[in-house]
Amino acid sequence: NTAGIFTRLQRPNLTGTSPATPGNTDSHYDPECGCIANWFNPAAWSNAPAFTLGNAPRTETDMRTPFKTQTDVAFQKVEPLGGTKQVMVRFEMINIFNNTQFNGPDMTFGSSSFGTVTATRGFPRLLQLMVRFSF
């Protein structure tokens, strides 16, 4: 009973309520589900009547995914051993400050997790040491 032309999903109607919610990732974090709840206001949309096209745009220009920041550091030393031989020692620290990288929120209107960020991307802090001998 949808009028989703060339798609399985029907666009919802805008209610006139702002989709923006104040605060940052920390202020929306819900320890019960381990997720970021209400990254945007789900009440800003409503179901369109059956067999009609919703008036919501395909993209919402005022909404952004959670900010992603990651700092990587690497140190490298190359030591010649004579002739064409050399040894390289490299130490890398990826995501040195161990910042959590959140995915975007669930954008499926009508889903129970609509507007909720339920997953992370990337990985926690990673340290690695590499030794390379070239000849």
N, C-alpha and C. Protein backbone atom coordinates (compact mmCIF):
# COMPACT_ATOMS: atom_id res chain seq x y z
N ASN A 1 0.81 -1.21 0.00
CA ASN A 1 0.00 0.00 0.00
C ASN A 1 0.85 1.26 0.00
N THR A 2 1.91 1.25 -0.75
CA THR A 2 2.73 2.45 -0.83
C THR A 2 2.78 2.94 -2.26
N ALA A 3 3.14 4.19 -2.40
CA ALA A 3 3.32 4.76 -3.73
C ALA A 3 4.79 5.09 -3.95
N GLY A 4 5.65 4.27 -3.40
CA GLY A 4 7.08 4.48 -3.57
C GLY A 4 7.48 4.15 -5.00
N ILE A 5 7.51 5.15 -5.87
CA ILE A 5 7.82 4.95 -7.28
C ILE A 5 9.28 4.50 -7.43
N PHE A 6 9.53 3.40 -8.10
CA PHE A 6 10.86 2.85 -8.36
C PHE A 6 11.63 2.53 -7.08
N THR A 7 10.97 2.38 -5.99
CA THR A 7 11.63 2.03 -4.74
C THR A 7 10.64 1.28 -3.87
N ARG A 8 11.14 0.57 -2.89
CA ARG A 8 10.25 -0.16 -1.99
C ARG A 8 9.81 0.69 -0.82
N LEU A 9 10.43 1.86 -0.65
CA LEU A 9 10.12 2.72 0.49
C LEU A 9 9.30 3.92 0.06
N GLN A 10 8.42 4.34 0.92
CA GLN A 10 7.60 5.51 0.67
C GLN A 10 8.15 6.67 1.49
N ARG A 11 8.24 7.83 0.89
CA ARG A 11 8.71 9.00 1.64
C ARG A 11 7.62 9.45 2.61
N PRO A 12 8.03 9.87 3.80
CA PRO A 12 7.04 10.36 4.77
C PRO A 12 6.67 11.81 4.48
N ASN A 13 5.74 12.32 5.26
CA ASN A 13 5.37 13.74 5.21
C ASN A 13 6.14 14.49 6.27
N LEU A 14 6.45 15.75 5.99
CA LEU A 14 7.05 16.62 7.00
C LEU A 14 5.96 17.13 7.92
N THR A 15 6.23 17.22 9.21
CA THR A 15 5.22 17.69 10.16
C THR A 15 5.37 19.17 10.47
N GLY A 16 6.48 19.78 10.08
CA GLY A 16 6.72 21.18 10.41
C GLY A 16 7.59 21.34 11.64
N THR A 17 7.80 20.26 12.37
CA THR A 17 8.68 20.28 13.53
C THR A 17 10.13 20.19 13.05
N SER A 18 11.02 20.89 13.71
CA SER A 18 12.42 20.86 13.32
C SER A 18 13.03 19.48 13.61
N PRO A 19 13.79 18.92 12.65
CA PRO A 19 14.44 17.63 12.90
C PRO A 19 15.68 17.75 13.78
N ALA A 20 16.16 18.96 13.99
CA ALA A 20 17.39 19.16 14.76
C ALA A 20 17.15 18.89 16.24
N THR A 21 18.14 18.31 16.89
CA THR A 21 18.12 18.13 18.34
C THR A 21 19.40 18.76 18.89
N PRO A 22 19.32 19.47 20.01
CA PRO A 22 20.51 20.13 20.53
C PRO A 22 21.46 19.13 21.18
N GLY A 23 22.72 19.52 21.27
CA GLY A 23 23.69 18.69 21.97
C GLY A 23 24.67 18.02 21.03
N ASN A 24 25.50 17.18 21.61
CA ASN A 24 26.50 16.46 20.84
C ASN A 24 26.36 14.96 21.10
N THR A 25 27.32 14.20 20.64
CA THR A 25 27.26 12.75 20.77
C THR A 25 27.13 12.31 22.22
N ASP A 26 27.88 12.94 23.11
CA ASP A 26 27.84 12.56 24.53
C ASP A 26 26.48 12.81 25.15
N SER A 27 25.82 13.91 24.77
CA SER A 27 24.53 14.23 25.39
C SER A 27 23.40 13.32 24.90
N HIS A 28 23.59 12.62 23.79
CA HIS A 28 22.57 11.71 23.26
C HIS A 28 22.86 10.24 23.56
N TYR A 29 24.01 9.95 24.17
CA TYR A 29 24.38 8.55 24.40
C TYR A 29 23.45 7.91 25.42
N ASP A 30 22.95 6.73 25.08
CA ASP A 30 22.05 5.97 25.95
C ASP A 30 22.77 4.69 26.40
N PRO A 31 23.20 4.60 27.67
CA PRO A 31 23.94 3.42 28.12
C PRO A 31 23.11 2.14 28.12
N GLU A 32 21.78 2.24 28.17
CA GLU A 32 20.94 1.03 28.17
C GLU A 32 21.06 0.26 26.86
N CYS A 33 21.09 0.98 25.74
CA CYS A 33 21.20 0.29 24.45
C CYS A 33 22.61 0.38 23.88
N GLY A 34 23.49 1.17 24.50
CA GLY A 34 24.84 1.35 23.98
C GLY A 34 24.83 2.06 22.64
N CYS A 35 23.88 2.98 22.47
CA CYS A 35 23.72 3.66 21.20
C CYS A 35 23.53 5.16 21.43
N ILE A 36 23.46 5.89 20.35
CA ILE A 36 23.14 7.31 20.42
C ILE A 36 21.68 7.45 20.03
N ALA A 37 20.83 7.72 20.99
CA ALA A 37 19.39 7.79 20.75
C ALA A 37 19.00 9.19 20.29
N ASN A 38 18.04 9.25 19.41
CA ASN A 38 17.48 10.51 18.91
C ASN A 38 18.56 11.47 18.42
N TRP A 39 19.38 11.00 17.47
CA TRP A 39 20.37 11.88 16.85
C TRP A 39 19.64 13.02 16.15
N PHE A 40 18.45 12.73 15.64
CA PHE A 40 17.55 13.78 15.15
C PHE A 40 16.16 13.48 15.67
N ASN A 41 15.28 14.44 15.55
CA ASN A 41 13.93 14.35 16.11
C ASN A 41 13.03 13.52 15.19
N PRO A 42 12.66 12.29 15.56
CA PRO A 42 11.80 11.48 14.69
C PRO A 42 10.39 12.04 14.53
N ALA A 43 9.98 12.94 15.43
CA ALA A 43 8.64 13.52 15.32
C ALA A 43 8.54 14.55 14.20
N ALA A 44 9.63 14.82 13.50
CA ALA A 44 9.61 15.78 12.40
C ALA A 44 8.98 15.18 11.14
N TRP A 45 8.69 13.88 11.15
CA TRP A 45 8.09 13.21 10.00
C TRP A 45 6.88 12.40 10.45
N SER A 46 5.96 12.18 9.55
CA SER A 46 4.80 11.33 9.83
C SER A 46 4.51 10.47 8.60
N ASN A 47 3.75 9.41 8.80
CA ASN A 47 3.39 8.54 7.69
C ASN A 47 2.52 9.28 6.68
N ALA A 48 2.83 9.10 5.42
CA ALA A 48 1.99 9.65 4.36
C ALA A 48 0.80 8.71 4.18
N PRO A 49 -0.36 9.24 3.81
CA PRO A 49 -1.51 8.36 3.58
C PRO A 49 -1.20 7.34 2.48
N ALA A 50 -1.88 6.21 2.53
CA ALA A 50 -1.66 5.14 1.55
C ALA A 50 -1.89 5.66 0.13
N PHE A 51 -1.07 5.18 -0.79
CA PHE A 51 -1.15 5.51 -2.21
C PHE A 51 -0.90 6.98 -2.52
N THR A 52 -0.17 7.66 -1.65
CA THR A 52 0.22 9.06 -1.90
C THR A 52 1.73 9.16 -1.79
N LEU A 53 2.25 10.22 -2.37
CA LEU A 53 3.68 10.49 -2.26
C LEU A 53 3.89 11.41 -1.07
N GLY A 54 4.81 11.07 -0.20
CA GLY A 54 5.13 11.95 0.92
C GLY A 54 5.81 13.22 0.43
N ASN A 55 5.74 14.28 1.24
CA ASN A 55 6.33 15.56 0.82
C ASN A 55 7.74 15.77 1.36
N ALA A 56 8.31 14.78 2.02
CA ALA A 56 9.67 14.92 2.54
C ALA A 56 10.67 14.86 1.39
N PRO A 57 11.71 15.69 1.45
CA PRO A 57 12.73 15.64 0.39
C PRO A 57 13.55 14.35 0.48
N ARG A 58 14.22 14.04 -0.60
CA ARG A 58 15.05 12.83 -0.63
C ARG A 58 16.20 12.93 0.35
N THR A 59 16.76 14.12 0.51
CA THR A 59 17.84 14.36 1.47
C THR A 59 17.48 15.55 2.35
N GLU A 60 17.95 15.54 3.56
CA GLU A 60 17.71 16.64 4.51
C GLU A 60 19.03 17.37 4.69
N THR A 61 19.14 18.58 4.15
CA THR A 61 20.42 19.29 4.12
C THR A 61 20.87 19.78 5.48
N ASP A 62 19.98 19.90 6.44
CA ASP A 62 20.35 20.41 7.76
C ASP A 62 20.88 19.33 8.70
N MET A 63 20.80 18.08 8.30
CA MET A 63 21.21 16.99 9.18
C MET A 63 22.56 16.44 8.76
N ARG A 64 23.39 16.14 9.74
CA ARG A 64 24.73 15.61 9.50
C ARG A 64 24.94 14.37 10.37
N THR A 65 25.85 13.51 9.93
CA THR A 65 26.21 12.36 10.75
C THR A 65 27.12 12.83 11.89
N PRO A 66 27.29 12.01 12.91
CA PRO A 66 28.19 12.40 14.01
C PRO A 66 29.60 12.68 13.49
N PHE A 67 30.24 13.67 14.11
CA PHE A 67 31.59 14.09 13.71
C PHE A 67 32.57 12.94 13.93
N LYS A 68 33.42 12.73 12.96
CA LYS A 68 34.42 11.66 13.05
C LYS A 68 35.80 12.30 13.15
N THR A 69 36.55 11.90 14.15
CA THR A 69 37.92 12.38 14.30
C THR A 69 38.82 11.22 14.68
N GLN A 70 39.95 11.16 14.02
CA GLN A 70 40.91 10.10 14.31
C GLN A 70 42.30 10.67 14.08
N THR A 71 43.19 10.46 15.03
CA THR A 71 44.56 10.94 14.92
C THR A 71 45.51 9.75 14.84
N ASP A 72 46.32 9.74 13.80
CA ASP A 72 47.31 8.68 13.59
C ASP A 72 48.70 9.29 13.65
N VAL A 73 49.66 8.55 14.21
CA VAL A 73 51.05 9.00 14.31
C VAL A 73 51.95 7.84 13.90
N ALA A 74 53.03 8.17 13.17
CA ALA A 74 54.00 7.14 12.77
C ALA A 74 55.41 7.69 12.91
N PHE A 75 56.32 6.84 13.36
CA PHE A 75 57.74 7.16 13.45
C PHE A 75 58.49 6.12 12.64
N GLN A 76 59.48 6.58 11.88
CA GLN A 76 60.21 5.67 11.01
C GLN A 76 61.69 6.03 11.02
N LYS A 77 62.53 5.01 11.02
CA LYS A 77 63.99 5.19 10.97
C LYS A 77 64.54 4.19 9.97
N VAL A 78 65.33 4.70 9.00
CA VAL A 78 65.98 3.84 8.01
C VAL A 78 67.48 3.91 8.28
N GLU A 79 68.09 2.75 8.43
CA GLU A 79 69.52 2.67 8.74
C GLU A 79 70.23 1.88 7.64
N PRO A 80 71.17 2.51 6.91
CA PRO A 80 71.92 1.77 5.89
C PRO A 80 72.89 0.79 6.55
N LEU A 81 73.04 -0.39 5.93
CA LEU A 81 73.92 -1.42 6.47
C LEU A 81 75.12 -1.67 5.56
N GLY A 82 75.29 -0.84 4.57
CA GLY A 82 76.39 -1.01 3.61
C GLY A 82 75.89 -1.60 2.31
N GLY A 83 76.41 -1.08 1.21
CA GLY A 83 75.96 -1.54 -0.11
C GLY A 83 74.50 -1.14 -0.32
N THR A 84 73.72 -2.08 -0.79
CA THR A 84 72.29 -1.82 -1.01
C THR A 84 71.44 -2.30 0.16
N LYS A 85 72.07 -2.80 1.19
CA LYS A 85 71.32 -3.34 2.33
C LYS A 85 70.94 -2.22 3.29
N GLN A 86 69.73 -2.34 3.79
CA GLN A 86 69.26 -1.38 4.80
C GLN A 86 68.16 -2.01 5.65
N VAL A 87 67.98 -1.46 6.82
CA VAL A 87 66.91 -1.92 7.71
C VAL A 87 66.03 -0.71 8.04
N MET A 88 64.73 -0.93 8.01
CA MET A 88 63.77 0.12 8.34
C MET A 88 62.97 -0.34 9.56
N VAL A 89 62.86 0.52 10.55
CA VAL A 89 62.03 0.27 11.73
C VAL A 89 60.94 1.33 11.73
N ARG A 90 59.70 0.89 11.84
CA ARG A 90 58.55 1.82 11.80
C ARG A 90 57.60 1.47 12.94
N PHE A 91 57.17 2.49 13.66
CA PHE A 91 56.20 2.33 14.75
C PHE A 91 54.99 3.19 14.42
N GLU A 92 53.80 2.59 14.38
CA GLU A 92 52.57 3.31 14.04
C GLU A 92 51.58 3.24 15.19
N MET A 93 50.92 4.35 15.42
CA MET A 93 49.83 4.44 16.40
C MET A 93 48.61 4.96 15.65
N ILE A 94 47.63 4.10 15.47
CA ILE A 94 46.42 4.46 14.74
C ILE A 94 45.31 4.69 15.75
N ASN A 95 44.59 5.80 15.57
CA ASN A 95 43.55 6.24 16.50
C ASN A 95 44.15 6.38 17.90
N ILE A 96 45.21 7.16 17.99
CA ILE A 96 46.02 7.28 19.21
C ILE A 96 45.20 7.72 20.43
N PHE A 97 44.18 8.55 20.23
CA PHE A 97 43.37 9.02 21.36
C PHE A 97 42.16 8.13 21.62
N ASN A 98 42.04 7.02 20.87
CA ASN A 98 40.98 6.02 21.06
C ASN A 98 39.58 6.63 20.97
N ASN A 99 39.37 7.50 19.98
CA ASN A 99 38.06 8.12 19.77
C ASN A 99 37.11 7.13 19.10
N THR A 100 35.90 7.05 19.61
CA THR A 100 34.88 6.19 19.00
C THR A 100 34.37 6.86 17.73
N GLN A 101 34.29 6.10 16.66
CA GLN A 101 33.80 6.60 15.37
C GLN A 101 32.39 6.03 15.17
N PHE A 102 31.38 6.90 15.23
CA PHE A 102 29.99 6.44 15.09
C PHE A 102 29.56 6.48 13.63
N ASN A 103 28.78 5.49 13.22
CA ASN A 103 28.15 5.50 11.91
C ASN A 103 27.02 6.52 11.90
N GLY A 104 26.38 6.68 10.77
CA GLY A 104 25.22 7.55 10.69
C GLY A 104 24.00 6.89 11.33
N PRO A 105 22.96 7.67 11.59
CA PRO A 105 21.75 7.12 12.21
C PRO A 105 20.95 6.27 11.23
N ASP A 106 20.07 5.43 11.77
CA ASP A 106 19.15 4.64 10.94
C ASP A 106 18.19 5.61 10.26
N MET A 107 18.13 5.56 8.94
CA MET A 107 17.30 6.50 8.18
C MET A 107 16.03 5.86 7.63
N THR A 108 15.70 4.66 8.08
CA THR A 108 14.50 3.98 7.58
C THR A 108 13.29 4.45 8.38
N PHE A 109 12.49 5.33 7.77
CA PHE A 109 11.32 5.86 8.46
C PHE A 109 10.38 4.72 8.81
N GLY A 110 9.87 4.74 10.04
CA GLY A 110 8.98 3.70 10.52
C GLY A 110 9.70 2.60 11.29
N SER A 111 11.02 2.55 11.16
CA SER A 111 11.81 1.57 11.90
C SER A 111 11.85 1.96 13.37
N SER A 112 11.93 0.98 14.26
CA SER A 112 11.98 1.28 15.69
C SER A 112 13.27 2.00 16.07
N SER A 113 14.29 1.88 15.24
CA SER A 113 15.56 2.56 15.53
C SER A 113 15.76 3.80 14.65
N PHE A 114 14.69 4.32 14.05
CA PHE A 114 14.77 5.51 13.20
C PHE A 114 15.35 6.68 14.00
N GLY A 115 16.42 7.28 13.49
CA GLY A 115 17.06 8.40 14.17
C GLY A 115 18.07 8.00 15.22
N THR A 116 18.32 6.70 15.37
CA THR A 116 19.25 6.21 16.39
C THR A 116 20.52 5.70 15.73
N VAL A 117 21.66 6.05 16.30
CA VAL A 117 22.95 5.55 15.84
C VAL A 117 23.25 4.29 16.63
N THR A 118 23.26 3.15 15.95
CA THR A 118 23.40 1.87 16.65
C THR A 118 24.72 1.17 16.39
N ALA A 119 25.59 1.74 15.56
CA ALA A 119 26.83 1.04 15.22
C ALA A 119 28.01 2.00 15.15
N THR A 120 29.18 1.43 15.31
CA THR A 120 30.41 2.20 15.18
C THR A 120 31.17 1.70 13.96
N ARG A 121 32.16 2.47 13.55
CA ARG A 121 33.00 2.07 12.43
C ARG A 121 34.45 2.15 12.86
N GLY A 122 35.32 1.63 12.04
CA GLY A 122 36.74 1.70 12.37
C GLY A 122 37.11 0.72 13.47
N PHE A 123 38.07 1.10 14.26
CA PHE A 123 38.58 0.20 15.29
C PHE A 123 39.15 1.03 16.43
N PRO A 124 39.36 0.40 17.59
CA PRO A 124 39.97 1.12 18.71
C PRO A 124 41.45 1.37 18.44
N ARG A 125 42.11 1.96 19.40
CA ARG A 125 43.54 2.26 19.26
C ARG A 125 44.31 1.03 18.79
N LEU A 126 45.21 1.24 17.85
CA LEU A 126 46.01 0.15 17.30
C LEU A 126 47.46 0.58 17.26
N LEU A 127 48.34 -0.22 17.85
CA LEU A 127 49.78 0.04 17.84
C LEU A 127 50.45 -1.09 17.08
N GLN A 128 51.39 -0.75 16.20
CA GLN A 128 52.10 -1.80 15.49
C GLN A 128 53.54 -1.39 15.22
N LEU A 129 54.40 -2.37 15.26
CA LEU A 129 55.83 -2.19 15.03
C LEU A 129 56.20 -3.03 13.81
N MET A 130 56.95 -2.41 12.89
CA MET A 130 57.35 -3.12 11.68
C MET A 130 58.87 -3.00 11.53
N VAL A 131 59.51 -4.10 11.19
CA VAL A 131 60.94 -4.11 10.86
C VAL A 131 61.07 -4.70 9.47
N ARG A 132 61.76 -3.97 8.59
CA ARG A 132 61.91 -4.41 7.20
C ARG A 132 63.39 -4.39 6.82
N PHE A 133 63.85 -5.51 6.31
CA PHE A 133 65.23 -5.62 5.85
C PHE A 133 65.21 -5.66 4.33
N SER A 134 65.93 -4.75 3.69
CA SER A 134 66.00 -4.70 2.22
C SER A 134 67.42 -5.01 1.78
N PHE A 135 67.54 -5.76 0.69
CA PHE A 135 68.87 -6.08 0.17
C PHE A 135 68.87 -6.04 -1.34
